[in-house]
Amino acid sequence: MDNKFRIRRVLVIVGIGAFLISSELLAFRSLNHSLEEFADGMGTLFQRATVAVDLVSAASKLTSRPPQGKTIPEQIWGKWIVTRQIPTTTTSCWGAAEAKTLLGTEIEYSAGSFRWKHVVTTYPVAEARIVNAEQFHDDNSGNGSNSSQITFRQLGIKAKQAMLISIHHPPAEITGGTSEIPGDELLVKDKGTIVFAACNVYFEAKRVSTTSSANKP
């Protein structure tokens, strides 16, 4: 009787142990399956997030670039140095001291940017058009005989017409009294010379040749 009782007891213990082991295995498999589903879900979420970031980045690049044909004309790409103030009969919001601060400063134009000194505008929208002497005078001069006057002749432009380039940018506080950036609107005088105004004071800038740039220390 004792042996039978012991055997039954052992069988009961073995059965309980087997049940517990089976339960643990089932729980482990269920947990492992849940972890796999969680990992798959996180992977899908990460892939979707990556796609979303790529789409936002692509859209940002598309919206930040100006439309085709509205970029800065290749004709003025490169670096320019402001060499002199041009005497005119305009009425200005600047005095001699303020005007002098522009002399010797550098302007740079490229397909994707416009820079004066350290102020950079990326992918600006630019417009180029041909204006004649009369049109330029009328658009930039006052109506009275004693009012501000500007002509091609004062600027040293001998041609009857010239290319006027306007570069659009967010308002800036550089010149004082206006939101312009020096060089954001200019007349192409010739291949190596441009003319622009700041606070209605006119300046001339010369193209920096690649040779002179290479020789700079």
N, C-alpha and C. Protein backbone atom coordinates (compact mmCIF):
# COMPACT_ATOMS: atom_id res chain seq x y z
N MET A 1 0.83 -1.20 0.00
CA MET A 1 0.00 0.00 0.00
C MET A 1 0.86 1.25 0.00
N ASP A 2 1.93 1.16 0.79
CA ASP A 2 2.81 2.33 0.85
C ASP A 2 3.44 2.64 -0.50
N ASN A 3 3.83 1.55 -1.20
CA ASN A 3 4.46 1.74 -2.51
C ASN A 3 3.48 2.34 -3.51
N LYS A 4 2.23 1.86 -3.50
CA LYS A 4 1.22 2.38 -4.41
C LYS A 4 0.95 3.85 -4.12
N PHE A 5 0.88 4.14 -2.82
CA PHE A 5 0.61 5.52 -2.44
C PHE A 5 1.75 6.44 -2.90
N ARG A 6 2.96 5.93 -2.73
CA ARG A 6 4.13 6.73 -3.15
C ARG A 6 4.14 6.93 -4.67
N ILE A 7 3.79 5.86 -5.38
CA ILE A 7 3.78 5.97 -6.84
C ILE A 7 2.74 6.98 -7.29
N ARG A 8 1.54 6.90 -6.67
CA ARG A 8 0.49 7.86 -7.01
C ARG A 8 0.95 9.29 -6.71
N ARG A 9 1.59 9.41 -5.59
CA ARG A 9 2.06 10.72 -5.18
C ARG A 9 3.07 11.29 -6.19
N VAL A 10 3.97 10.40 -6.62
CA VAL A 10 4.98 10.82 -7.60
C VAL A 10 4.31 11.20 -8.91
N LEU A 11 3.32 10.38 -9.33
CA LEU A 11 2.62 10.67 -10.58
C LEU A 11 1.89 12.01 -10.52
N VAL A 12 1.27 12.29 -9.38
CA VAL A 12 0.57 13.57 -9.20
C VAL A 12 1.56 14.73 -9.30
N ILE A 13 2.72 14.56 -8.61
CA ILE A 13 3.73 15.62 -8.65
C ILE A 13 4.25 15.83 -10.06
N VAL A 14 4.50 14.70 -10.78
CA VAL A 14 4.99 14.80 -12.15
C VAL A 14 3.94 15.47 -13.04
N GLY A 15 2.67 15.10 -12.83
CA GLY A 15 1.60 15.69 -13.63
C GLY A 15 1.48 17.20 -13.40
N ILE A 16 1.57 17.58 -12.11
CA ILE A 16 1.50 19.01 -11.80
C ILE A 16 2.68 19.75 -12.42
N GLY A 17 3.87 19.12 -12.33
CA GLY A 17 5.06 19.74 -12.92
C GLY A 17 4.94 19.90 -14.41
N ALA A 18 4.42 18.86 -15.07
CA ALA A 18 4.25 18.92 -16.52
C ALA A 18 3.26 20.01 -16.90
N PHE A 19 2.19 20.12 -16.09
CA PHE A 19 1.19 21.15 -16.37
C PHE A 19 1.79 22.55 -16.24
N LEU A 20 2.56 22.71 -15.16
CA LEU A 20 3.18 24.02 -14.93
C LEU A 20 4.17 24.36 -16.06
N ILE A 21 4.95 23.35 -16.49
CA ILE A 21 5.91 23.59 -17.56
C ILE A 21 5.19 23.95 -18.86
N SER A 22 4.10 23.22 -19.14
CA SER A 22 3.33 23.51 -20.35
C SER A 22 2.76 24.92 -20.31
N SER A 23 2.27 25.30 -19.11
CA SER A 23 1.71 26.65 -18.97
C SER A 23 2.78 27.71 -19.20
N GLU A 24 3.99 27.46 -18.64
CA GLU A 24 5.09 28.40 -18.82
C GLU A 24 5.48 28.51 -20.29
N LEU A 25 5.53 27.37 -20.98
CA LEU A 25 5.89 27.38 -22.40
C LEU A 25 4.86 28.14 -23.21
N LEU A 26 3.56 27.92 -22.89
CA LEU A 26 2.52 28.63 -23.62
C LEU A 26 2.61 30.14 -23.38
N ALA A 27 2.87 30.49 -22.11
CA ALA A 27 2.99 31.92 -21.79
C ALA A 27 4.20 32.53 -22.50
N PHE A 28 5.32 31.76 -22.54
CA PHE A 28 6.52 32.26 -23.20
C PHE A 28 6.28 32.44 -24.69
N ARG A 29 5.60 31.45 -25.30
CA ARG A 29 5.31 31.56 -26.73
C ARG A 29 4.40 32.76 -27.02
N SER A 30 3.40 32.94 -26.14
CA SER A 30 2.50 34.07 -26.33
C SER A 30 3.24 35.39 -26.20
N LEU A 31 4.13 35.46 -25.19
CA LEU A 31 4.92 36.69 -25.00
C LEU A 31 5.85 36.93 -26.19
N ASN A 32 6.49 35.85 -26.65
CA ASN A 32 7.39 35.97 -27.79
C ASN A 32 6.64 36.43 -29.03
N HIS A 33 5.43 35.91 -29.23
CA HIS A 33 4.61 36.31 -30.38
C HIS A 33 4.22 37.79 -30.27
N SER A 34 3.88 38.19 -29.04
CA SER A 34 3.51 39.60 -28.83
C SER A 34 4.69 40.51 -29.10
N LEU A 35 5.88 40.09 -28.65
CA LEU A 35 7.08 40.90 -28.89
C LEU A 35 7.39 41.00 -30.38
N GLU A 36 7.19 39.88 -31.09
CA GLU A 36 7.41 39.90 -32.53
C GLU A 36 6.43 40.86 -33.22
N GLU A 37 5.17 40.80 -32.81
CA GLU A 37 4.17 41.72 -33.39
C GLU A 37 4.51 43.17 -33.07
N PHE A 38 4.99 43.41 -31.82
CA PHE A 38 5.37 44.77 -31.42
C PHE A 38 6.55 45.27 -32.27
N ALA A 39 7.53 44.36 -32.48
CA ALA A 39 8.69 44.73 -33.28
C ALA A 39 8.29 45.02 -34.73
N ASP A 40 7.38 44.18 -35.27
CA ASP A 40 6.91 44.42 -36.63
C ASP A 40 6.17 45.75 -36.72
N GLY A 41 5.34 46.00 -35.70
CA GLY A 41 4.59 47.26 -35.69
C GLY A 41 5.51 48.47 -35.61
N MET A 42 6.55 48.38 -34.77
CA MET A 42 7.50 49.49 -34.65
C MET A 42 8.28 49.68 -35.95
N GLY A 43 8.60 48.56 -36.61
CA GLY A 43 9.32 48.65 -37.88
C GLY A 43 8.47 49.34 -38.94
N THR A 44 7.19 48.97 -38.99
CA THR A 44 6.28 49.61 -39.95
C THR A 44 6.12 51.10 -39.64
N LEU A 45 5.99 51.40 -38.34
CA LEU A 45 5.85 52.80 -37.92
C LEU A 45 7.08 53.60 -38.29
N PHE A 46 8.26 53.01 -38.08
CA PHE A 46 9.52 53.69 -38.41
C PHE A 46 9.61 53.94 -39.92
N GLN A 47 9.22 52.93 -40.71
CA GLN A 47 9.25 53.09 -42.16
C GLN A 47 8.31 54.21 -42.61
N ARG A 48 7.12 54.25 -42.02
CA ARG A 48 6.17 55.31 -42.38
C ARG A 48 6.70 56.68 -41.98
N ALA A 49 7.34 56.75 -40.79
CA ALA A 49 7.90 58.02 -40.34
C ALA A 49 9.01 58.47 -41.27
N THR A 50 9.84 57.52 -41.72
CA THR A 50 10.93 57.85 -42.65
C THR A 50 10.39 58.38 -43.96
N VAL A 51 9.33 57.74 -44.47
CA VAL A 51 8.71 58.19 -45.71
C VAL A 51 8.14 59.59 -45.54
N ALA A 52 7.49 59.84 -44.39
CA ALA A 52 6.91 61.15 -44.13
C ALA A 52 7.97 62.24 -44.08
N VAL A 53 9.10 61.93 -43.43
CA VAL A 53 10.21 62.89 -43.34
C VAL A 53 10.76 63.19 -44.73
N ASP A 54 10.90 62.14 -45.55
CA ASP A 54 11.40 62.33 -46.92
C ASP A 54 10.45 63.20 -47.74
N LEU A 55 9.14 62.97 -47.57
CA LEU A 55 8.17 63.75 -48.32
C LEU A 55 8.18 65.22 -47.89
N VAL A 56 8.28 65.45 -46.58
CA VAL A 56 8.35 66.83 -46.07
C VAL A 56 9.61 67.52 -46.57
N SER A 57 10.73 66.78 -46.54
CA SER A 57 11.99 67.35 -47.00
C SER A 57 11.93 67.70 -48.48
N ALA A 58 11.35 66.80 -49.28
CA ALA A 58 11.22 67.06 -50.72
C ALA A 58 10.31 68.24 -50.98
N ALA A 59 9.21 68.32 -50.23
CA ALA A 59 8.28 69.44 -50.42
C ALA A 59 8.94 70.75 -50.03
N SER A 60 9.74 70.71 -48.96
CA SER A 60 10.42 71.92 -48.51
C SER A 60 11.39 72.41 -49.57
N LYS A 61 12.12 71.49 -50.20
CA LYS A 61 13.06 71.87 -51.25
C LYS A 61 12.35 72.46 -52.45
N LEU A 62 11.19 71.88 -52.77
CA LEU A 62 10.45 72.37 -53.93
C LEU A 62 9.89 73.77 -53.68
N THR A 63 9.38 74.00 -52.45
CA THR A 63 8.77 75.29 -52.17
C THR A 63 9.80 76.38 -51.93
N SER A 64 11.03 76.00 -51.50
CA SER A 64 12.03 77.01 -51.20
C SER A 64 12.73 77.51 -52.46
N ARG A 65 12.70 76.73 -53.50
CA ARG A 65 13.35 77.15 -54.74
C ARG A 65 12.40 78.00 -55.58
N PRO A 66 12.92 79.04 -56.21
CA PRO A 66 12.06 79.89 -57.03
C PRO A 66 11.65 79.17 -58.30
N PRO A 67 10.55 79.58 -58.93
CA PRO A 67 10.12 78.96 -60.19
C PRO A 67 11.19 79.13 -61.27
N GLN A 68 11.17 78.22 -62.23
CA GLN A 68 12.12 78.29 -63.33
C GLN A 68 11.96 79.61 -64.07
N GLY A 69 13.09 80.26 -64.35
CA GLY A 69 13.06 81.54 -65.03
C GLY A 69 12.99 82.72 -64.08
N LYS A 70 12.89 82.44 -62.77
CA LYS A 70 12.82 83.50 -61.76
C LYS A 70 14.06 83.53 -60.88
N THR A 71 15.12 82.87 -61.31
CA THR A 71 16.37 82.88 -60.55
C THR A 71 17.23 84.06 -61.00
N ILE A 72 18.29 84.31 -60.24
CA ILE A 72 19.19 85.42 -60.56
C ILE A 72 19.84 85.15 -61.91
N PRO A 73 19.79 86.10 -62.83
CA PRO A 73 20.38 85.88 -64.17
C PRO A 73 21.87 85.55 -64.09
N GLU A 74 22.28 84.60 -64.92
CA GLU A 74 23.66 84.16 -64.95
C GLU A 74 24.62 85.30 -65.30
N GLN A 75 24.10 86.29 -65.96
CA GLN A 75 24.91 87.42 -66.41
C GLN A 75 25.64 88.12 -65.26
N ILE A 76 25.08 88.09 -64.06
CA ILE A 76 25.72 88.79 -62.93
C ILE A 76 26.28 87.84 -61.87
N TRP A 77 26.28 86.53 -62.13
CA TRP A 77 26.86 85.59 -61.16
C TRP A 77 28.31 85.95 -60.88
N GLY A 78 28.67 85.84 -59.64
CA GLY A 78 30.05 86.13 -59.25
C GLY A 78 30.11 87.16 -58.13
N LYS A 79 31.32 87.61 -57.82
CA LYS A 79 31.54 88.58 -56.74
C LYS A 79 31.80 89.97 -57.30
N TRP A 80 31.31 90.96 -56.56
CA TRP A 80 31.45 92.35 -56.95
C TRP A 80 31.89 93.17 -55.73
N ILE A 81 32.71 94.18 -55.99
CA ILE A 81 33.17 95.08 -54.93
C ILE A 81 32.60 96.47 -55.18
N VAL A 82 32.00 97.06 -54.13
CA VAL A 82 31.47 98.42 -54.24
C VAL A 82 32.66 99.38 -54.27
N THR A 83 32.82 100.08 -55.38
CA THR A 83 34.04 100.88 -55.58
C THR A 83 33.84 102.37 -55.35
N ARG A 84 32.64 102.89 -55.64
CA ARG A 84 32.48 104.34 -55.47
C ARG A 84 31.02 104.74 -55.34
N GLN A 85 30.81 105.92 -54.75
CA GLN A 85 29.49 106.53 -54.71
C GLN A 85 29.36 107.43 -55.93
N ILE A 86 28.22 107.35 -56.59
CA ILE A 86 28.00 108.14 -57.81
C ILE A 86 27.28 109.45 -57.45
N PRO A 87 27.85 110.59 -57.82
CA PRO A 87 27.18 111.87 -57.55
C PRO A 87 25.88 111.97 -58.36
N THR A 88 24.78 112.26 -57.68
CA THR A 88 23.49 112.40 -58.34
C THR A 88 22.71 113.56 -57.71
N THR A 89 21.55 113.84 -58.27
CA THR A 89 20.70 114.89 -57.72
C THR A 89 19.47 114.28 -57.03
N THR A 90 19.67 113.13 -56.41
CA THR A 90 18.57 112.47 -55.70
C THR A 90 18.46 112.99 -54.27
N THR A 91 17.30 112.80 -53.68
CA THR A 91 17.08 113.09 -52.27
C THR A 91 17.24 111.79 -51.49
N SER A 92 18.16 111.76 -50.54
CA SER A 92 18.49 110.51 -49.87
C SER A 92 18.20 110.55 -48.38
N CYS A 93 18.00 109.36 -47.80
CA CYS A 93 17.83 109.25 -46.35
C CYS A 93 19.17 108.96 -45.67
N TRP A 94 20.25 108.98 -46.46
CA TRP A 94 21.60 108.76 -45.94
C TRP A 94 22.45 110.01 -46.07
N GLY A 95 23.42 110.13 -45.16
CA GLY A 95 24.43 111.16 -45.28
C GLY A 95 25.73 110.55 -45.78
N ALA A 96 26.78 111.38 -45.84
CA ALA A 96 28.07 110.92 -46.35
C ALA A 96 28.66 109.80 -45.49
N ALA A 97 28.48 109.89 -44.18
CA ALA A 97 29.05 108.89 -43.27
C ALA A 97 28.45 107.51 -43.51
N GLU A 98 27.12 107.46 -43.64
CA GLU A 98 26.45 106.17 -43.88
C GLU A 98 26.84 105.61 -45.24
N ALA A 99 26.89 106.47 -46.25
CA ALA A 99 27.22 106.02 -47.60
C ALA A 99 28.63 105.43 -47.65
N LYS A 100 29.52 106.01 -46.89
CA LYS A 100 30.92 105.57 -46.90
C LYS A 100 31.08 104.14 -46.40
N THR A 101 30.15 103.69 -45.54
CA THR A 101 30.25 102.33 -44.97
C THR A 101 30.07 101.24 -46.03
N LEU A 102 29.47 101.57 -47.17
CA LEU A 102 29.27 100.57 -48.22
C LEU A 102 30.50 100.39 -49.10
N LEU A 103 31.34 101.39 -49.16
CA LEU A 103 32.51 101.31 -50.04
C LEU A 103 33.44 100.18 -49.61
N GLY A 104 33.85 99.38 -50.58
CA GLY A 104 34.74 98.27 -50.30
C GLY A 104 34.05 96.99 -49.88
N THR A 105 32.72 97.03 -49.68
CA THR A 105 32.00 95.81 -49.29
C THR A 105 31.77 94.92 -50.51
N GLU A 106 31.48 93.67 -50.25
CA GLU A 106 31.37 92.67 -51.32
C GLU A 106 29.94 92.19 -51.49
N ILE A 107 29.54 92.07 -52.74
CA ILE A 107 28.24 91.51 -53.11
C ILE A 107 28.51 90.26 -53.95
N GLU A 108 27.71 89.23 -53.72
CA GLU A 108 27.88 88.00 -54.50
C GLU A 108 26.52 87.49 -54.96
N TYR A 109 26.47 87.12 -56.23
CA TYR A 109 25.25 86.56 -56.82
C TYR A 109 25.56 85.16 -57.35
N SER A 110 24.59 84.26 -57.20
CA SER A 110 24.71 82.92 -57.79
C SER A 110 23.31 82.42 -58.13
N ALA A 111 23.25 81.21 -58.67
CA ALA A 111 21.95 80.65 -59.04
C ALA A 111 21.06 80.46 -57.82
N GLY A 112 21.67 80.16 -56.66
CA GLY A 112 20.87 79.85 -55.48
C GLY A 112 20.98 80.81 -54.33
N SER A 113 21.70 81.92 -54.49
CA SER A 113 21.83 82.83 -53.35
C SER A 113 22.23 84.24 -53.78
N PHE A 114 21.97 85.17 -52.85
CA PHE A 114 22.35 86.57 -53.00
C PHE A 114 22.96 86.99 -51.66
N ARG A 115 24.17 87.55 -51.71
CA ARG A 115 24.87 87.89 -50.47
C ARG A 115 25.45 89.30 -50.55
N TRP A 116 25.24 90.05 -49.49
CA TRP A 116 25.96 91.30 -49.27
C TRP A 116 26.64 91.18 -47.91
N LYS A 117 27.97 91.26 -47.89
CA LYS A 117 28.75 91.02 -46.68
C LYS A 117 28.35 89.66 -46.08
N HIS A 118 27.84 89.65 -44.85
CA HIS A 118 27.47 88.39 -44.21
C HIS A 118 25.97 88.09 -44.31
N VAL A 119 25.23 88.97 -44.97
CA VAL A 119 23.78 88.79 -45.08
C VAL A 119 23.47 87.97 -46.34
N VAL A 120 22.91 86.77 -46.13
CA VAL A 120 22.69 85.84 -47.24
C VAL A 120 21.19 85.55 -47.40
N THR A 121 20.71 85.62 -48.63
CA THR A 121 19.35 85.20 -48.97
C THR A 121 19.46 84.01 -49.91
N THR A 122 18.89 82.87 -49.51
CA THR A 122 18.98 81.66 -50.33
C THR A 122 17.75 81.51 -51.22
N TYR A 123 17.98 81.05 -52.43
CA TYR A 123 16.95 80.84 -53.43
C TYR A 123 15.97 82.01 -53.54
N PRO A 124 16.48 83.21 -53.75
CA PRO A 124 15.57 84.36 -53.89
C PRO A 124 14.90 84.35 -55.27
N VAL A 125 13.73 84.94 -55.33
CA VAL A 125 13.04 85.14 -56.61
C VAL A 125 13.56 86.42 -57.23
N ALA A 126 13.98 86.35 -58.47
CA ALA A 126 14.54 87.52 -59.16
C ALA A 126 13.76 87.80 -60.44
N GLU A 127 13.68 89.06 -60.78
CA GLU A 127 13.02 89.48 -62.02
C GLU A 127 13.99 90.37 -62.80
N ALA A 128 14.05 90.13 -64.09
CA ALA A 128 14.93 90.93 -64.96
C ALA A 128 14.10 91.50 -66.11
N ARG A 129 14.31 92.78 -66.39
CA ARG A 129 13.61 93.41 -67.51
C ARG A 129 14.48 94.53 -68.09
N ILE A 130 14.20 94.86 -69.31
CA ILE A 130 14.92 95.94 -69.98
C ILE A 130 14.15 97.26 -69.80
N VAL A 131 14.86 98.28 -69.32
CA VAL A 131 14.24 99.60 -69.16
C VAL A 131 15.02 100.61 -70.01
N ASN A 132 14.29 101.57 -70.55
CA ASN A 132 14.97 102.63 -71.30
C ASN A 132 15.24 103.82 -70.38
N ALA A 133 15.97 104.78 -70.86
CA ALA A 133 16.40 105.92 -70.05
C ALA A 133 15.21 106.71 -69.51
N GLU A 134 14.23 106.95 -70.36
CA GLU A 134 13.07 107.74 -69.95
C GLU A 134 12.26 107.02 -68.88
N GLN A 135 12.05 105.73 -69.09
CA GLN A 135 11.27 104.93 -68.14
C GLN A 135 11.95 104.89 -66.78
N PHE A 136 13.27 104.71 -66.77
CA PHE A 136 14.01 104.66 -65.51
C PHE A 136 13.90 105.99 -64.77
N HIS A 137 14.04 107.09 -65.51
CA HIS A 137 13.93 108.42 -64.89
C HIS A 137 12.55 108.62 -64.28
N ASP A 138 11.51 108.29 -65.03
CA ASP A 138 10.15 108.51 -64.55
C ASP A 138 9.82 107.65 -63.33
N ASP A 139 10.33 106.43 -63.30
CA ASP A 139 10.03 105.51 -62.20
C ASP A 139 10.79 105.85 -60.92
N ASN A 140 11.89 106.57 -61.04
CA ASN A 140 12.76 106.79 -59.88
C ASN A 140 12.98 108.27 -59.53
N SER A 141 12.26 109.16 -60.17
CA SER A 141 12.41 110.59 -59.93
C SER A 141 11.10 111.19 -59.47
N GLY A 142 11.21 112.37 -58.82
CA GLY A 142 10.02 113.08 -58.40
C GLY A 142 9.41 113.86 -59.55
N ASN A 143 8.23 114.42 -59.32
CA ASN A 143 7.52 115.15 -60.38
C ASN A 143 7.92 116.61 -60.48
N GLY A 144 8.30 117.22 -59.35
CA GLY A 144 8.65 118.63 -59.36
C GLY A 144 10.05 118.89 -59.88
N SER A 145 10.28 120.11 -60.31
CA SER A 145 11.60 120.48 -60.84
C SER A 145 12.68 120.46 -59.77
N ASN A 146 12.28 120.67 -58.51
CA ASN A 146 13.23 120.68 -57.41
C ASN A 146 13.25 119.36 -56.63
N SER A 147 12.53 118.37 -57.13
CA SER A 147 12.46 117.08 -56.44
C SER A 147 13.63 116.18 -56.85
N SER A 148 13.69 115.03 -56.22
CA SER A 148 14.76 114.07 -56.50
C SER A 148 14.75 113.64 -57.97
N GLN A 149 15.92 113.69 -58.60
CA GLN A 149 16.03 113.34 -60.01
C GLN A 149 17.20 112.38 -60.23
N ILE A 150 16.98 111.39 -61.11
CA ILE A 150 18.05 110.46 -61.46
C ILE A 150 17.91 110.10 -62.94
N THR A 151 19.04 110.06 -63.63
CA THR A 151 19.04 109.75 -65.06
C THR A 151 20.16 108.77 -65.39
N PHE A 152 20.05 108.12 -66.54
CA PHE A 152 21.13 107.27 -67.03
C PHE A 152 22.43 108.08 -67.13
N ARG A 153 22.31 109.31 -67.56
CA ARG A 153 23.50 110.14 -67.75
C ARG A 153 24.25 110.34 -66.44
N GLN A 154 23.52 110.62 -65.36
CA GLN A 154 24.17 110.77 -64.06
C GLN A 154 24.89 109.49 -63.64
N LEU A 155 24.34 108.35 -64.01
CA LEU A 155 24.91 107.06 -63.63
C LEU A 155 26.03 106.61 -64.57
N GLY A 156 26.25 107.37 -65.61
CA GLY A 156 27.31 107.02 -66.56
C GLY A 156 26.92 105.95 -67.53
N ILE A 157 25.61 105.73 -67.70
CA ILE A 157 25.12 104.73 -68.64
C ILE A 157 24.86 105.42 -69.98
N LYS A 158 25.64 105.10 -70.98
CA LYS A 158 25.53 105.77 -72.28
C LYS A 158 24.52 105.11 -73.21
N ALA A 159 24.19 103.86 -72.92
CA ALA A 159 23.22 103.15 -73.77
C ALA A 159 21.81 103.72 -73.56
N LYS A 160 20.93 103.49 -74.51
CA LYS A 160 19.56 103.98 -74.42
C LYS A 160 18.70 103.11 -73.51
N GLN A 161 19.16 101.89 -73.27
CA GLN A 161 18.43 100.99 -72.39
C GLN A 161 19.41 100.09 -71.64
N ALA A 162 18.93 99.50 -70.53
CA ALA A 162 19.79 98.64 -69.72
C ALA A 162 18.93 97.60 -69.02
N MET A 163 19.57 96.52 -68.57
CA MET A 163 18.84 95.49 -67.84
C MET A 163 18.71 95.89 -66.38
N LEU A 164 17.48 95.84 -65.88
CA LEU A 164 17.19 96.12 -64.47
C LEU A 164 16.83 94.80 -63.80
N ILE A 165 17.56 94.43 -62.76
CA ILE A 165 17.32 93.17 -62.04
C ILE A 165 16.84 93.48 -60.63
N SER A 166 15.72 92.89 -60.26
CA SER A 166 15.17 93.07 -58.90
C SER A 166 15.17 91.72 -58.20
N ILE A 167 15.75 91.67 -57.00
CA ILE A 167 15.82 90.43 -56.22
C ILE A 167 14.94 90.58 -54.99
N HIS A 168 13.96 89.70 -54.86
CA HIS A 168 13.02 89.77 -53.75
C HIS A 168 13.55 88.99 -52.54
N HIS A 169 13.32 89.53 -51.36
CA HIS A 169 13.81 88.90 -50.12
C HIS A 169 12.97 89.40 -48.95
N PRO A 170 13.03 88.73 -47.79
CA PRO A 170 12.32 89.23 -46.61
C PRO A 170 12.86 90.60 -46.21
N PRO A 171 12.04 91.43 -45.58
CA PRO A 171 12.49 92.76 -45.16
C PRO A 171 13.75 92.69 -44.30
N ALA A 172 14.67 93.59 -44.55
CA ALA A 172 15.92 93.62 -43.79
C ALA A 172 16.08 95.00 -43.13
N GLU A 173 16.86 95.04 -42.06
CA GLU A 173 17.14 96.29 -41.38
C GLU A 173 18.65 96.54 -41.43
N ILE A 174 19.09 96.96 -42.59
CA ILE A 174 20.53 97.14 -42.81
C ILE A 174 20.87 98.60 -43.08
N THR A 175 20.16 99.16 -44.05
CA THR A 175 20.51 100.51 -44.48
C THR A 175 19.94 101.58 -43.57
N GLY A 176 18.92 101.25 -42.79
CA GLY A 176 18.29 102.24 -41.92
C GLY A 176 17.32 103.08 -42.71
N GLY A 177 16.05 102.99 -42.35
CA GLY A 177 15.04 103.76 -43.06
C GLY A 177 14.36 102.99 -44.18
N THR A 178 14.96 101.90 -44.63
CA THR A 178 14.34 101.07 -45.68
C THR A 178 14.55 99.60 -45.33
N SER A 179 13.87 98.73 -46.08
CA SER A 179 14.00 97.28 -45.84
C SER A 179 14.89 96.62 -46.89
N GLU A 180 15.63 97.42 -47.65
CA GLU A 180 16.44 96.90 -48.76
C GLU A 180 17.77 96.33 -48.28
N ILE A 181 18.37 95.54 -49.17
CA ILE A 181 19.74 95.04 -48.99
C ILE A 181 20.55 95.59 -50.15
N PRO A 182 21.71 96.17 -49.90
CA PRO A 182 22.52 96.72 -51.00
C PRO A 182 22.73 95.69 -52.11
N GLY A 183 22.37 96.07 -53.33
CA GLY A 183 22.52 95.17 -54.47
C GLY A 183 21.29 94.37 -54.82
N ASP A 184 20.18 94.59 -54.08
CA ASP A 184 18.98 93.80 -54.38
C ASP A 184 18.22 94.31 -55.61
N GLU A 185 18.52 95.53 -56.04
CA GLU A 185 18.00 96.04 -57.31
C GLU A 185 19.12 96.77 -58.02
N LEU A 186 19.40 96.39 -59.24
CA LEU A 186 20.59 96.91 -59.90
C LEU A 186 20.39 97.08 -61.40
N LEU A 187 21.17 97.95 -61.95
CA LEU A 187 21.26 98.13 -63.40
C LEU A 187 22.58 97.54 -63.87
N VAL A 188 22.55 96.79 -64.95
CA VAL A 188 23.78 96.26 -65.52
C VAL A 188 24.33 97.32 -66.47
N LYS A 189 25.39 97.98 -66.03
CA LYS A 189 25.99 99.05 -66.83
C LYS A 189 26.80 98.48 -67.98
N ASP A 190 27.63 97.50 -67.68
CA ASP A 190 28.36 96.74 -68.70
C ASP A 190 28.76 95.41 -68.10
N LYS A 191 29.54 94.64 -68.82
CA LYS A 191 29.88 93.29 -68.38
C LYS A 191 30.56 93.27 -67.02
N GLY A 192 31.32 94.30 -66.71
CA GLY A 192 32.07 94.30 -65.45
C GLY A 192 31.62 95.34 -64.46
N THR A 193 30.47 95.99 -64.69
CA THR A 193 30.03 97.08 -63.81
C THR A 193 28.52 97.02 -63.59
N ILE A 194 28.11 97.15 -62.34
CA ILE A 194 26.69 97.26 -62.01
C ILE A 194 26.48 98.53 -61.19
N VAL A 195 25.26 99.02 -61.20
CA VAL A 195 24.90 100.22 -60.44
C VAL A 195 23.68 99.90 -59.58
N PHE A 196 23.71 100.31 -58.32
CA PHE A 196 22.57 100.06 -57.44
C PHE A 196 22.42 101.23 -56.46
N ALA A 197 21.28 101.28 -55.81
CA ALA A 197 21.02 102.36 -54.85
C ALA A 197 20.74 101.79 -53.47
N ALA A 198 21.14 102.53 -52.45
CA ALA A 198 20.81 102.21 -51.06
C ALA A 198 20.37 103.51 -50.41
N CYS A 199 19.15 103.55 -49.93
CA CYS A 199 18.59 104.79 -49.36
C CYS A 199 18.65 105.93 -50.38
N ASN A 200 18.51 105.57 -51.65
CA ASN A 200 18.50 106.52 -52.77
C ASN A 200 19.87 107.16 -53.01
N VAL A 201 20.92 106.56 -52.45
CA VAL A 201 22.30 106.93 -52.79
C VAL A 201 22.78 105.88 -53.78
N TYR A 202 23.34 106.32 -54.90
CA TYR A 202 23.74 105.38 -55.95
C TYR A 202 25.22 105.03 -55.85
N PHE A 203 25.49 103.74 -56.09
CA PHE A 203 26.85 103.21 -56.00
C PHE A 203 27.19 102.42 -57.25
N GLU A 204 28.45 102.32 -57.50
CA GLU A 204 28.95 101.50 -58.60
C GLU A 204 29.77 100.37 -58.02
N ALA A 205 29.59 99.17 -58.57
CA ALA A 205 30.35 98.00 -58.13
C ALA A 205 31.02 97.36 -59.33
N LYS A 206 32.25 96.89 -59.11
CA LYS A 206 33.03 96.25 -60.18
C LYS A 206 33.13 94.75 -59.92
N ARG A 207 33.11 93.99 -61.02
CA ARG A 207 33.23 92.54 -60.91
C ARG A 207 34.63 92.16 -60.43
N VAL A 208 34.68 91.19 -59.51
CA VAL A 208 35.95 90.67 -59.04
C VAL A 208 36.38 89.55 -59.98
N SER A 209 37.50 89.73 -60.65
CA SER A 209 37.96 88.70 -61.58
C SER A 209 38.48 87.51 -60.81
N THR A 210 38.46 86.35 -61.45
CA THR A 210 38.95 85.12 -60.81
C THR A 210 40.44 85.24 -60.52
N THR A 211 41.16 85.99 -61.36
CA THR A 211 42.60 86.16 -61.16
C THR A 211 42.89 86.94 -59.90
N SER A 212 42.15 88.05 -59.70
CA SER A 212 42.38 88.87 -58.53
C SER A 212 41.95 88.15 -57.27
N SER A 213 40.90 87.30 -57.38
CA SER A 213 40.45 86.53 -56.22
C SER A 213 41.51 85.52 -55.80
N ALA A 214 42.15 84.90 -56.80
CA ALA A 214 43.17 83.90 -56.50
C ALA A 214 44.40 84.53 -55.87
N ASN A 215 44.66 85.80 -56.18
CA ASN A 215 45.85 86.47 -55.65
C ASN A 215 45.64 87.08 -54.26
N LYS A 216 44.39 87.03 -53.78
CA LYS A 216 44.14 87.57 -52.45
C LYS A 216 44.79 86.69 -51.40
N PRO A 217 45.37 87.30 -50.32
CA PRO A 217 46.02 86.50 -49.28
C PRO A 217 45.02 85.72 -48.49
